[in-house]
Amino acid sequence: MMRKIDFKTERKDLYAPSHKAFSLVEVPPMAFLMIDGAGDPNGSNSYMEAIEALYSVSYALKFASKKSLERDYVVGPLEGLWWAADCTAFERNARDEWRWTMMIRQPDGIPNAMVETAIETAREKKSLPALVLPRFETFDEGRSAQILHVGPYCDEAPLLTRLHRDELPRRGLAPVGKHHEIYLSDPRKTTPEKLKTILRQPVRPI
């Protein structure tokens, strides 16, 4: 019987952090489908189209892997990198200044040709403008601090302030790279107070 890979159960250190305290984790290089964008994600057509395109290609790739490579897996959770020219844009909730990369992890060993075929397959099934945007690349995050946030996305700010003003200085660390979020809940099916989101920040020694 074909074994099904599930990133969340095989690497609980990466996908099941505590919600009570920040922890440090070594994140290995991983392959992702990615789409870049900018602006307020709420009510944004480009943001929603990017997510739909990522899932469309990810499922096409999953079925191709199962058929051609005899390797099945659970499609990974949606993830996002967030940044702005002025880092206070998040504390100010200045969403028009936000930039983002939405992404979904893929198993190791998926050939580029299979990704290109999966994109074409998705295009044949759906007419989505964002299907011209996905790129496939390795993301090497390295040492990172992370915590599980339970609740609405708009309530993340106090945890992020605590991370940057207290936790990292106390540990002799400084942020490097982009703020990373991993969405473990489906907001269409989960009430805001029960949403689970991993907040992750790459770090370096001061």
N, C-alpha and C. Protein backbone atom coordinates (compact mmCIF):
# COMPACT_ATOMS: atom_id res chain seq x y z
N MET A 1 0.84 -1.19 0.00
CA MET A 1 0.00 0.00 0.00
C MET A 1 0.88 1.25 0.00
N MET A 2 0.55 2.22 -0.84
CA MET A 2 1.35 3.43 -0.96
C MET A 2 1.27 4.28 0.31
N ARG A 3 2.42 4.65 0.87
CA ARG A 3 2.45 5.50 2.06
C ARG A 3 2.19 6.94 1.66
N LYS A 4 1.38 7.64 2.45
CA LYS A 4 1.08 9.04 2.17
C LYS A 4 1.88 9.93 3.11
N ILE A 5 2.70 10.80 2.54
CA ILE A 5 3.52 11.73 3.32
C ILE A 5 2.64 12.86 3.84
N ASP A 6 2.82 13.20 5.11
CA ASP A 6 2.12 14.35 5.70
C ASP A 6 3.16 15.18 6.44
N PHE A 7 3.49 16.35 5.88
CA PHE A 7 4.53 17.20 6.47
C PHE A 7 4.24 17.52 7.94
N LYS A 8 2.97 17.77 8.26
CA LYS A 8 2.61 18.24 9.60
C LYS A 8 2.83 17.18 10.67
N THR A 9 2.67 15.90 10.31
CA THR A 9 2.88 14.85 11.30
C THR A 9 4.33 14.37 11.33
N GLU A 10 5.01 14.46 10.18
CA GLU A 10 6.39 13.99 10.13
C GLU A 10 7.38 15.00 10.71
N ARG A 11 7.03 16.28 10.70
CA ARG A 11 7.90 17.31 11.28
C ARG A 11 7.09 18.18 12.24
N LYS A 12 6.73 17.58 13.37
CA LYS A 12 5.93 18.33 14.35
C LYS A 12 6.69 19.51 14.93
N ASP A 13 8.02 19.43 14.89
CA ASP A 13 8.80 20.57 15.39
C ASP A 13 8.57 21.80 14.53
N LEU A 14 8.24 21.60 13.25
CA LEU A 14 8.01 22.72 12.34
C LEU A 14 6.55 23.15 12.28
N TYR A 15 5.63 22.20 12.55
CA TYR A 15 4.22 22.48 12.32
C TYR A 15 3.34 22.36 13.57
N ALA A 16 3.92 22.10 14.73
CA ALA A 16 3.11 22.00 15.95
C ALA A 16 3.82 22.65 17.14
N PRO A 17 4.15 23.95 17.03
CA PRO A 17 4.81 24.62 18.14
C PRO A 17 3.84 24.92 19.28
N SER A 18 4.38 25.26 20.43
CA SER A 18 3.57 25.66 21.57
C SER A 18 2.89 27.00 21.31
N HIS A 19 1.72 27.20 21.94
CA HIS A 19 1.07 28.50 21.87
C HIS A 19 1.39 29.34 23.10
N LYS A 20 2.20 28.77 24.02
CA LYS A 20 2.49 29.46 25.26
C LYS A 20 3.85 30.17 25.25
N ALA A 21 4.80 29.62 24.52
CA ALA A 21 6.15 30.19 24.55
C ALA A 21 6.81 30.07 23.19
N PHE A 22 7.68 31.03 22.89
CA PHE A 22 8.45 30.97 21.65
C PHE A 22 9.49 29.87 21.74
N SER A 23 9.75 29.22 20.62
CA SER A 23 10.79 28.20 20.56
C SER A 23 11.67 28.47 19.35
N LEU A 24 12.88 27.94 19.40
CA LEU A 24 13.80 28.04 18.27
C LEU A 24 13.81 26.72 17.50
N VAL A 25 13.86 26.81 16.19
CA VAL A 25 13.83 25.63 15.35
C VAL A 25 14.77 25.85 14.17
N GLU A 26 15.39 24.76 13.72
CA GLU A 26 16.22 24.81 12.51
C GLU A 26 15.37 24.35 11.33
N VAL A 27 15.06 25.26 10.46
CA VAL A 27 14.19 24.95 9.32
C VAL A 27 15.08 24.57 8.13
N PRO A 28 14.94 23.37 7.60
CA PRO A 28 15.77 22.95 6.47
C PRO A 28 15.30 23.58 5.17
N PRO A 29 16.12 23.57 4.13
CA PRO A 29 15.67 24.02 2.82
C PRO A 29 14.48 23.16 2.35
N MET A 30 13.45 23.82 1.82
CA MET A 30 12.26 23.11 1.37
C MET A 30 11.77 23.71 0.06
N ALA A 31 11.13 22.88 -0.76
CA ALA A 31 10.64 23.31 -2.06
C ALA A 31 9.22 23.87 -1.92
N PHE A 32 8.96 24.98 -2.63
CA PHE A 32 7.64 25.62 -2.56
C PHE A 32 7.20 26.07 -3.94
N LEU A 33 5.87 26.06 -4.14
CA LEU A 33 5.25 26.85 -5.19
C LEU A 33 4.96 28.21 -4.58
N MET A 34 5.30 29.31 -5.29
CA MET A 34 5.17 30.65 -4.74
C MET A 34 4.52 31.60 -5.73
N ILE A 35 3.78 32.57 -5.18
CA ILE A 35 3.26 33.69 -5.97
C ILE A 35 3.42 34.96 -5.16
N ASP A 36 3.96 36.01 -5.79
CA ASP A 36 4.19 37.29 -5.11
C ASP A 36 3.05 38.27 -5.36
N GLY A 37 2.86 39.18 -4.40
CA GLY A 37 1.84 40.21 -4.57
C GLY A 37 2.04 41.33 -3.58
N ALA A 38 1.11 42.27 -3.55
CA ALA A 38 1.22 43.42 -2.67
C ALA A 38 -0.16 43.95 -2.34
N GLY A 39 -0.26 44.66 -1.20
CA GLY A 39 -1.49 45.31 -0.82
C GLY A 39 -2.29 44.53 0.21
N ASP A 40 -3.43 45.10 0.56
CA ASP A 40 -4.34 44.53 1.55
C ASP A 40 -4.89 43.19 1.05
N PRO A 41 -4.67 42.09 1.80
CA PRO A 41 -5.20 40.80 1.34
C PRO A 41 -6.72 40.69 1.48
N ASN A 42 -7.29 41.48 2.38
CA ASN A 42 -8.74 41.40 2.59
C ASN A 42 -9.50 41.98 1.41
N GLY A 43 -10.30 41.15 0.78
CA GLY A 43 -11.09 41.61 -0.35
C GLY A 43 -10.31 41.85 -1.62
N SER A 44 -9.05 41.41 -1.66
CA SER A 44 -8.21 41.63 -2.83
C SER A 44 -8.39 40.48 -3.83
N ASN A 45 -8.76 40.81 -5.05
CA ASN A 45 -8.90 39.77 -6.07
C ASN A 45 -7.58 39.09 -6.36
N SER A 46 -6.49 39.87 -6.43
CA SER A 46 -5.19 39.29 -6.76
C SER A 46 -4.73 38.31 -5.68
N TYR A 47 -5.02 38.63 -4.42
CA TYR A 47 -4.64 37.74 -3.32
C TYR A 47 -5.43 36.43 -3.39
N MET A 48 -6.74 36.52 -3.55
CA MET A 48 -7.57 35.32 -3.61
C MET A 48 -7.25 34.48 -4.86
N GLU A 49 -6.97 35.14 -5.97
CA GLU A 49 -6.61 34.42 -7.19
C GLU A 49 -5.27 33.70 -7.03
N ALA A 50 -4.34 34.32 -6.31
CA ALA A 50 -3.05 33.68 -6.06
C ALA A 50 -3.22 32.41 -5.25
N ILE A 51 -4.05 32.48 -4.22
CA ILE A 51 -4.28 31.29 -3.39
C ILE A 51 -4.95 30.18 -4.19
N GLU A 52 -5.96 30.54 -4.97
CA GLU A 52 -6.65 29.52 -5.78
C GLU A 52 -5.70 28.89 -6.79
N ALA A 53 -4.83 29.70 -7.38
CA ALA A 53 -3.87 29.16 -8.34
C ALA A 53 -2.88 28.21 -7.67
N LEU A 54 -2.40 28.58 -6.48
CA LEU A 54 -1.46 27.72 -5.77
C LEU A 54 -2.07 26.37 -5.44
N TYR A 55 -3.32 26.38 -4.98
CA TYR A 55 -3.97 25.11 -4.66
C TYR A 55 -4.25 24.29 -5.91
N SER A 56 -4.65 24.96 -6.98
CA SER A 56 -4.94 24.24 -8.23
C SER A 56 -3.70 23.50 -8.73
N VAL A 57 -2.57 24.18 -8.73
CA VAL A 57 -1.33 23.55 -9.20
C VAL A 57 -0.86 22.49 -8.21
N SER A 58 -1.00 22.76 -6.91
CA SER A 58 -0.54 21.81 -5.89
C SER A 58 -1.30 20.49 -5.99
N TYR A 59 -2.62 20.54 -6.23
CA TYR A 59 -3.38 19.30 -6.35
C TYR A 59 -3.07 18.58 -7.67
N ALA A 60 -2.86 19.35 -8.73
CA ALA A 60 -2.46 18.72 -9.99
C ALA A 60 -1.11 18.02 -9.83
N LEU A 61 -0.22 18.63 -9.07
CA LEU A 61 1.11 18.05 -8.83
C LEU A 61 1.02 16.82 -7.95
N LYS A 62 0.15 16.86 -6.95
CA LYS A 62 -0.05 15.70 -6.07
C LYS A 62 -0.51 14.48 -6.88
N PHE A 63 -1.49 14.68 -7.75
CA PHE A 63 -2.00 13.55 -8.54
C PHE A 63 -0.95 13.05 -9.53
N ALA A 64 -0.16 13.98 -10.08
CA ALA A 64 0.91 13.58 -11.00
C ALA A 64 1.98 12.78 -10.27
N SER A 65 2.32 13.20 -9.06
CA SER A 65 3.31 12.49 -8.27
C SER A 65 2.83 11.08 -7.93
N LYS A 66 1.56 10.98 -7.56
CA LYS A 66 1.01 9.66 -7.21
C LYS A 66 1.02 8.72 -8.41
N LYS A 67 0.73 9.27 -9.59
CA LYS A 67 0.67 8.44 -10.79
C LYS A 67 2.04 8.11 -11.35
N SER A 68 2.90 9.12 -11.47
CA SER A 68 4.18 8.93 -12.15
C SER A 68 5.31 8.50 -11.22
N LEU A 69 5.30 8.99 -9.99
CA LEU A 69 6.37 8.68 -9.05
C LEU A 69 5.97 7.64 -8.02
N GLU A 70 4.67 7.26 -8.03
CA GLU A 70 4.13 6.34 -7.04
C GLU A 70 4.42 6.83 -5.62
N ARG A 71 4.23 8.14 -5.45
CA ARG A 71 4.46 8.76 -4.14
C ARG A 71 3.30 9.72 -3.86
N ASP A 72 2.55 9.42 -2.80
CA ASP A 72 1.39 10.24 -2.45
C ASP A 72 1.72 11.09 -1.23
N TYR A 73 1.02 12.21 -1.11
CA TYR A 73 1.25 13.09 0.04
C TYR A 73 0.04 13.98 0.25
N VAL A 74 -0.05 14.51 1.46
CA VAL A 74 -1.10 15.47 1.81
C VAL A 74 -0.62 16.85 1.36
N VAL A 75 -1.46 17.55 0.60
CA VAL A 75 -1.09 18.90 0.18
C VAL A 75 -0.85 19.76 1.43
N GLY A 76 0.27 20.45 1.45
CA GLY A 76 0.66 21.22 2.62
C GLY A 76 -0.23 22.42 2.88
N PRO A 77 -0.12 22.99 4.07
CA PRO A 77 -0.92 24.17 4.40
C PRO A 77 -0.45 25.40 3.62
N LEU A 78 -1.34 26.35 3.47
CA LEU A 78 -0.97 27.63 2.88
C LEU A 78 -0.01 28.36 3.82
N GLU A 79 1.02 28.98 3.23
CA GLU A 79 1.98 29.76 4.02
C GLU A 79 2.16 31.13 3.37
N GLY A 80 2.64 32.08 4.15
CA GLY A 80 2.84 33.41 3.61
C GLY A 80 4.05 34.10 4.20
N LEU A 81 4.80 34.78 3.34
CA LEU A 81 5.88 35.67 3.78
C LEU A 81 5.35 37.09 3.65
N TRP A 82 5.60 37.90 4.68
CA TRP A 82 5.06 39.25 4.72
C TRP A 82 6.17 40.24 5.05
N TRP A 83 6.18 41.38 4.34
CA TRP A 83 7.16 42.42 4.62
C TRP A 83 6.67 43.75 4.07
N ALA A 84 7.41 44.81 4.39
CA ALA A 84 7.08 46.15 3.91
C ALA A 84 8.35 46.98 3.92
N ALA A 85 8.37 48.02 3.10
CA ALA A 85 9.54 48.91 3.08
C ALA A 85 9.76 49.53 4.45
N ASP A 86 8.67 49.86 5.13
CA ASP A 86 8.71 50.39 6.50
C ASP A 86 8.12 49.32 7.40
N CYS A 87 8.93 48.73 8.28
CA CYS A 87 8.48 47.60 9.09
C CYS A 87 7.35 47.98 10.05
N THR A 88 7.16 49.27 10.31
CA THR A 88 6.07 49.68 11.19
C THR A 88 4.70 49.58 10.50
N ALA A 89 4.70 49.26 9.21
CA ALA A 89 3.44 49.16 8.47
C ALA A 89 2.51 48.12 9.08
N PHE A 90 3.09 47.08 9.72
CA PHE A 90 2.25 46.05 10.33
C PHE A 90 1.70 46.51 11.67
N GLU A 91 2.51 47.21 12.46
CA GLU A 91 2.01 47.74 13.72
C GLU A 91 0.95 48.80 13.47
N ARG A 92 1.09 49.57 12.38
CA ARG A 92 0.12 50.61 12.03
C ARG A 92 -1.07 50.07 11.26
N ASN A 93 -1.00 48.79 10.93
CA ASN A 93 -2.05 48.15 10.12
C ASN A 93 -2.25 48.87 8.79
N ALA A 94 -1.13 49.36 8.23
CA ALA A 94 -1.16 50.04 6.94
C ALA A 94 -1.08 49.00 5.83
N ARG A 95 -2.20 48.37 5.57
CA ARG A 95 -2.23 47.20 4.69
C ARG A 95 -1.88 47.52 3.25
N ASP A 96 -2.10 48.75 2.83
CA ASP A 96 -1.75 49.11 1.45
C ASP A 96 -0.25 49.08 1.22
N GLU A 97 0.56 49.07 2.32
CA GLU A 97 2.01 49.04 2.21
C GLU A 97 2.57 47.62 2.27
N TRP A 98 1.72 46.65 2.58
CA TRP A 98 2.19 45.28 2.76
C TRP A 98 2.58 44.66 1.42
N ARG A 99 3.59 43.80 1.50
CA ARG A 99 3.96 42.95 0.38
C ARG A 99 3.94 41.50 0.87
N TRP A 100 3.64 40.58 -0.05
CA TRP A 100 3.51 39.20 0.38
C TRP A 100 3.95 38.21 -0.70
N THR A 101 4.33 37.05 -0.22
CA THR A 101 4.55 35.87 -1.07
C THR A 101 3.74 34.74 -0.46
N MET A 102 2.72 34.29 -1.17
CA MET A 102 1.95 33.14 -0.70
C MET A 102 2.56 31.88 -1.31
N MET A 103 2.55 30.78 -0.53
CA MET A 103 3.27 29.60 -0.99
C MET A 103 2.73 28.33 -0.36
N ILE A 104 2.95 27.21 -1.04
CA ILE A 104 2.58 25.89 -0.54
C ILE A 104 3.77 24.97 -0.74
N ARG A 105 4.14 24.30 0.33
CA ARG A 105 5.30 23.39 0.29
C ARG A 105 5.02 22.18 -0.59
N GLN A 106 6.09 21.72 -1.25
CA GLN A 106 6.03 20.52 -2.09
C GLN A 106 7.08 19.51 -1.60
N PRO A 107 6.87 18.22 -1.84
CA PRO A 107 7.85 17.22 -1.39
C PRO A 107 9.20 17.40 -2.10
N ASP A 108 10.23 16.92 -1.46
CA ASP A 108 11.55 16.90 -2.10
C ASP A 108 11.50 15.95 -3.30
N GLY A 109 12.32 16.25 -4.29
CA GLY A 109 12.46 15.33 -5.41
C GLY A 109 11.46 15.48 -6.53
N ILE A 110 10.60 16.51 -6.44
CA ILE A 110 9.66 16.75 -7.54
C ILE A 110 10.42 17.44 -8.68
N PRO A 111 10.45 16.85 -9.88
CA PRO A 111 11.21 17.47 -10.97
C PRO A 111 10.52 18.71 -11.53
N ASN A 112 11.32 19.64 -12.03
CA ASN A 112 10.78 20.89 -12.59
C ASN A 112 9.80 20.62 -13.73
N ALA A 113 10.10 19.62 -14.55
CA ALA A 113 9.22 19.32 -15.68
C ALA A 113 7.83 18.92 -15.21
N MET A 114 7.76 18.21 -14.08
CA MET A 114 6.46 17.81 -13.55
C MET A 114 5.68 19.03 -13.05
N VAL A 115 6.38 19.99 -12.48
CA VAL A 115 5.74 21.23 -12.02
C VAL A 115 5.16 21.98 -13.21
N GLU A 116 5.94 22.10 -14.29
CA GLU A 116 5.46 22.81 -15.48
C GLU A 116 4.23 22.12 -16.07
N THR A 117 4.24 20.79 -16.07
CA THR A 117 3.08 20.05 -16.58
C THR A 117 1.86 20.27 -15.69
N ALA A 118 2.08 20.31 -14.36
CA ALA A 118 0.98 20.54 -13.43
C ALA A 118 0.38 21.92 -13.62
N ILE A 119 1.21 22.92 -13.89
CA ILE A 119 0.71 24.27 -14.16
C ILE A 119 -0.15 24.27 -15.41
N GLU A 120 0.30 23.58 -16.46
CA GLU A 120 -0.47 23.50 -17.70
C GLU A 120 -1.79 22.76 -17.48
N THR A 121 -1.75 21.71 -16.67
CA THR A 121 -2.96 20.96 -16.36
C THR A 121 -3.97 21.85 -15.64
N ALA A 122 -3.49 22.65 -14.68
CA ALA A 122 -4.37 23.56 -13.95
C ALA A 122 -4.97 24.61 -14.88
N ARG A 123 -4.16 25.09 -15.83
CA ARG A 123 -4.66 26.09 -16.79
C ARG A 123 -5.76 25.53 -17.68
N GLU A 124 -5.64 24.25 -18.01
CA GLU A 124 -6.65 23.62 -18.87
C GLU A 124 -7.98 23.48 -18.15
N LYS A 125 -7.93 23.37 -16.82
CA LYS A 125 -9.15 23.16 -16.04
C LYS A 125 -9.80 24.46 -15.57
N LYS A 126 -8.97 25.48 -15.32
CA LYS A 126 -9.50 26.74 -14.78
C LYS A 126 -8.89 27.92 -15.50
N SER A 127 -9.70 28.94 -15.69
CA SER A 127 -9.22 30.17 -16.31
C SER A 127 -8.91 31.17 -15.19
N LEU A 128 -7.71 31.08 -14.66
CA LEU A 128 -7.30 31.96 -13.56
C LEU A 128 -6.11 32.80 -14.01
N PRO A 129 -6.21 34.13 -13.93
CA PRO A 129 -5.09 34.99 -14.33
C PRO A 129 -3.80 34.66 -13.59
N ALA A 130 -3.93 34.25 -12.32
CA ALA A 130 -2.74 34.01 -11.50
C ALA A 130 -1.99 32.74 -11.86
N LEU A 131 -2.56 31.92 -12.74
CA LEU A 131 -1.87 30.68 -13.11
C LEU A 131 -0.64 30.93 -13.99
N VAL A 132 -0.41 32.17 -14.39
CA VAL A 132 0.83 32.49 -15.10
C VAL A 132 1.92 32.91 -14.11
N LEU A 133 1.59 32.98 -12.82
CA LEU A 133 2.51 33.56 -11.83
C LEU A 133 3.30 32.56 -10.98
N PRO A 134 2.86 31.31 -10.78
CA PRO A 134 3.59 30.44 -9.85
C PRO A 134 5.03 30.21 -10.26
N ARG A 135 5.89 30.20 -9.27
CA ARG A 135 7.28 29.79 -9.49
C ARG A 135 7.60 28.68 -8.50
N PHE A 136 8.57 27.86 -8.84
CA PHE A 136 8.94 26.70 -8.03
C PHE A 136 10.38 26.88 -7.62
N GLU A 137 10.61 27.02 -6.31
CA GLU A 137 11.98 27.22 -5.86
C GLU A 137 12.18 26.74 -4.44
N THR A 138 13.44 26.64 -4.05
CA THR A 138 13.80 26.21 -2.70
C THR A 138 13.90 27.42 -1.79
N PHE A 139 13.29 27.32 -0.63
CA PHE A 139 13.34 28.38 0.37
C PHE A 139 14.14 27.87 1.55
N ASP A 140 15.25 28.53 1.84
CA ASP A 140 16.16 28.12 2.92
C ASP A 140 16.05 29.14 4.05
N GLU A 141 15.28 28.81 5.07
CA GLU A 141 14.97 29.75 6.15
C GLU A 141 15.97 29.69 7.29
N GLY A 142 16.44 28.50 7.64
CA GLY A 142 17.43 28.36 8.70
C GLY A 142 16.85 28.53 10.09
N ARG A 143 17.69 29.01 11.00
CA ARG A 143 17.28 29.14 12.40
C ARG A 143 16.18 30.18 12.54
N SER A 144 15.10 29.79 13.23
CA SER A 144 13.95 30.67 13.34
C SER A 144 13.30 30.54 14.71
N ALA A 145 12.64 31.62 15.13
CA ALA A 145 11.82 31.60 16.34
C ALA A 145 10.36 31.48 15.90
N GLN A 146 9.58 30.69 16.64
CA GLN A 146 8.19 30.51 16.25
C GLN A 146 7.30 30.28 17.45
N ILE A 147 6.00 30.52 17.22
CA ILE A 147 4.98 30.30 18.25
C ILE A 147 3.66 30.07 17.53
N LEU A 148 2.73 29.39 18.18
CA LEU A 148 1.40 29.19 17.62
C LEU A 148 0.47 30.28 18.14
N HIS A 149 -0.15 30.99 17.21
CA HIS A 149 -1.16 32.00 17.58
C HIS A 149 -2.53 31.40 17.37
N VAL A 150 -3.38 31.49 18.39
CA VAL A 150 -4.76 31.02 18.30
C VAL A 150 -5.68 32.23 18.40
N GLY A 151 -6.44 32.48 17.34
CA GLY A 151 -7.32 33.64 17.33
C GLY A 151 -7.31 34.34 15.99
N PRO A 152 -7.98 35.48 15.90
CA PRO A 152 -8.05 36.21 14.63
C PRO A 152 -6.69 36.69 14.18
N TYR A 153 -6.52 36.79 12.87
CA TYR A 153 -5.26 37.27 12.31
C TYR A 153 -4.95 38.68 12.82
N CYS A 154 -5.98 39.49 13.01
CA CYS A 154 -5.77 40.88 13.42
C CYS A 154 -5.27 41.00 14.85
N ASP A 155 -5.26 39.89 15.60
CA ASP A 155 -4.79 39.92 16.99
C ASP A 155 -3.35 39.44 17.14
N GLU A 156 -2.62 39.31 16.04
CA GLU A 156 -1.25 38.81 16.10
C GLU A 156 -0.25 39.84 16.62
N ALA A 157 -0.57 41.13 16.49
CA ALA A 157 0.40 42.20 16.77
C ALA A 157 1.05 42.11 18.14
N PRO A 158 0.30 41.87 19.24
CA PRO A 158 0.97 41.80 20.55
C PRO A 158 2.04 40.71 20.63
N LEU A 159 1.78 39.55 20.00
CA LEU A 159 2.79 38.49 20.01
C LEU A 159 4.02 38.90 19.24
N LEU A 160 3.83 39.57 18.10
CA LEU A 160 4.97 39.99 17.29
C LEU A 160 5.77 41.08 17.99
N THR A 161 5.08 41.97 18.68
CA THR A 161 5.77 43.00 19.46
C THR A 161 6.60 42.37 20.56
N ARG A 162 6.01 41.38 21.25
CA ARG A 162 6.74 40.67 22.31
C ARG A 162 7.97 39.97 21.75
N LEU A 163 7.83 39.36 20.56
CA LEU A 163 8.96 38.68 19.94
C LEU A 163 10.10 39.64 19.66
N HIS A 164 9.80 40.76 19.02
CA HIS A 164 10.85 41.67 18.56
C HIS A 164 11.42 42.54 19.68
N ARG A 165 10.62 42.88 20.67
CA ARG A 165 11.09 43.79 21.72
C ARG A 165 11.60 43.08 22.97
N ASP A 166 11.16 41.84 23.18
CA ASP A 166 11.53 41.14 24.41
C ASP A 166 12.28 39.83 24.14
N GLU A 167 11.63 38.91 23.43
CA GLU A 167 12.17 37.57 23.27
C GLU A 167 13.51 37.55 22.54
N LEU A 168 13.58 38.18 21.39
CA LEU A 168 14.82 38.11 20.62
C LEU A 168 15.97 38.84 21.31
N PRO A 169 15.80 40.07 21.82
CA PRO A 169 16.90 40.72 22.54
C PRO A 169 17.36 39.90 23.75
N ARG A 170 16.43 39.29 24.46
CA ARG A 170 16.79 38.50 25.63
C ARG A 170 17.64 37.29 25.26
N ARG A 171 17.42 36.75 24.08
CA ARG A 171 18.17 35.58 23.63
C ARG A 171 19.42 35.95 22.83
N GLY A 172 19.68 37.25 22.69
CA GLY A 172 20.84 37.69 21.92
C GLY A 172 20.67 37.47 20.43
N LEU A 173 19.43 37.62 19.95
CA LEU A 173 19.12 37.37 18.55
C LEU A 173 18.50 38.59 17.90
N ALA A 174 18.60 38.65 16.59
CA ALA A 174 17.99 39.73 15.83
C ALA A 174 17.24 39.12 14.65
N PRO A 175 16.13 39.74 14.23
CA PRO A 175 15.39 39.21 13.08
C PRO A 175 16.16 39.39 11.78
N VAL A 176 16.01 38.46 10.88
CA VAL A 176 16.61 38.56 9.56
C VAL A 176 15.63 37.90 8.58
N GLY A 177 15.43 38.50 7.44
CA GLY A 177 14.47 37.92 6.50
C GLY A 177 13.05 38.34 6.80
N LYS A 178 12.10 37.64 6.21
CA LYS A 178 10.69 38.07 6.22
C LYS A 178 9.88 37.33 7.27
N HIS A 179 8.88 38.02 7.78
CA HIS A 179 7.92 37.41 8.70
C HIS A 179 7.17 36.30 7.96
N HIS A 180 7.03 35.16 8.63
CA HIS A 180 6.49 33.96 7.99
C HIS A 180 5.27 33.49 8.79
N GLU A 181 4.18 33.22 8.08
CA GLU A 181 2.99 32.68 8.72
C GLU A 181 2.58 31.38 8.03
N ILE A 182 2.15 30.41 8.84
CA ILE A 182 1.67 29.13 8.33
C ILE A 182 0.24 28.94 8.83
N TYR A 183 -0.69 28.81 7.90
CA TYR A 183 -2.12 28.80 8.24
C TYR A 183 -2.62 27.37 8.39
N LEU A 184 -2.82 26.95 9.63
CA LEU A 184 -3.23 25.58 9.91
C LEU A 184 -4.74 25.39 9.84
N SER A 185 -5.49 26.49 9.81
CA SER A 185 -6.95 26.42 9.78
C SER A 185 -7.49 26.97 8.47
N ASP A 186 -8.65 26.49 8.08
CA ASP A 186 -9.35 27.02 6.93
C ASP A 186 -10.30 28.10 7.41
N PRO A 187 -10.04 29.38 7.08
CA PRO A 187 -10.89 30.47 7.59
C PRO A 187 -12.33 30.40 7.10
N ARG A 188 -12.58 29.61 6.05
CA ARG A 188 -13.95 29.45 5.57
C ARG A 188 -14.77 28.53 6.47
N LYS A 189 -14.08 27.70 7.26
CA LYS A 189 -14.76 26.71 8.08
C LYS A 189 -14.50 26.88 9.58
N THR A 190 -13.64 27.83 9.95
CA THR A 190 -13.22 28.00 11.33
C THR A 190 -13.59 29.39 11.82
N THR A 191 -14.15 29.47 13.02
CA THR A 191 -14.48 30.78 13.58
C THR A 191 -13.18 31.51 13.90
N PRO A 192 -13.17 32.86 13.82
CA PRO A 192 -11.93 33.63 14.02
C PRO A 192 -11.21 33.31 15.32
N GLU A 193 -11.95 33.10 16.42
CA GLU A 193 -11.29 32.87 17.71
C GLU A 193 -10.61 31.51 17.79
N LYS A 194 -10.86 30.62 16.82
CA LYS A 194 -10.24 29.29 16.83
C LYS A 194 -9.20 29.11 15.73
N LEU A 195 -8.94 30.14 14.95
CA LEU A 195 -7.93 30.04 13.90
C LEU A 195 -6.55 29.75 14.51
N LYS A 196 -5.82 28.84 13.87
CA LYS A 196 -4.47 28.50 14.33
C LYS A 196 -3.45 28.90 13.26
N THR A 197 -2.51 29.74 13.67
CA THR A 197 -1.49 30.26 12.74
C THR A 197 -0.12 30.19 13.39
N ILE A 198 0.82 29.57 12.70
CA ILE A 198 2.20 29.59 13.20
C ILE A 198 2.84 30.90 12.76
N LEU A 199 3.41 31.62 13.73
CA LEU A 199 4.16 32.83 13.45
C LEU A 199 5.64 32.50 13.57
N ARG A 200 6.37 32.71 12.49
CA ARG A 200 7.79 32.31 12.45
C ARG A 200 8.64 33.47 11.97
N GLN A 201 9.80 33.63 12.58
CA GLN A 201 10.73 34.70 12.20
C GLN A 201 12.14 34.17 12.12
N PRO A 202 12.80 34.18 10.97
CA PRO A 202 14.21 33.82 10.89
C PRO A 202 15.04 34.76 11.76
N VAL A 203 16.09 34.23 12.35
CA VAL A 203 16.90 35.03 13.29
C VAL A 203 18.40 34.79 13.05
N ARG A 204 19.19 35.70 13.61
CA ARG A 204 20.65 35.58 13.60
C ARG A 204 21.18 36.08 14.92
N PRO A 205 22.39 35.67 15.31
CA PRO A 205 22.98 36.20 16.54
C PRO A 205 23.27 37.71 16.38
N ILE A 206 23.10 38.43 17.46
CA ILE A 206 23.42 39.86 17.43
C ILE A 206 24.95 40.05 17.35
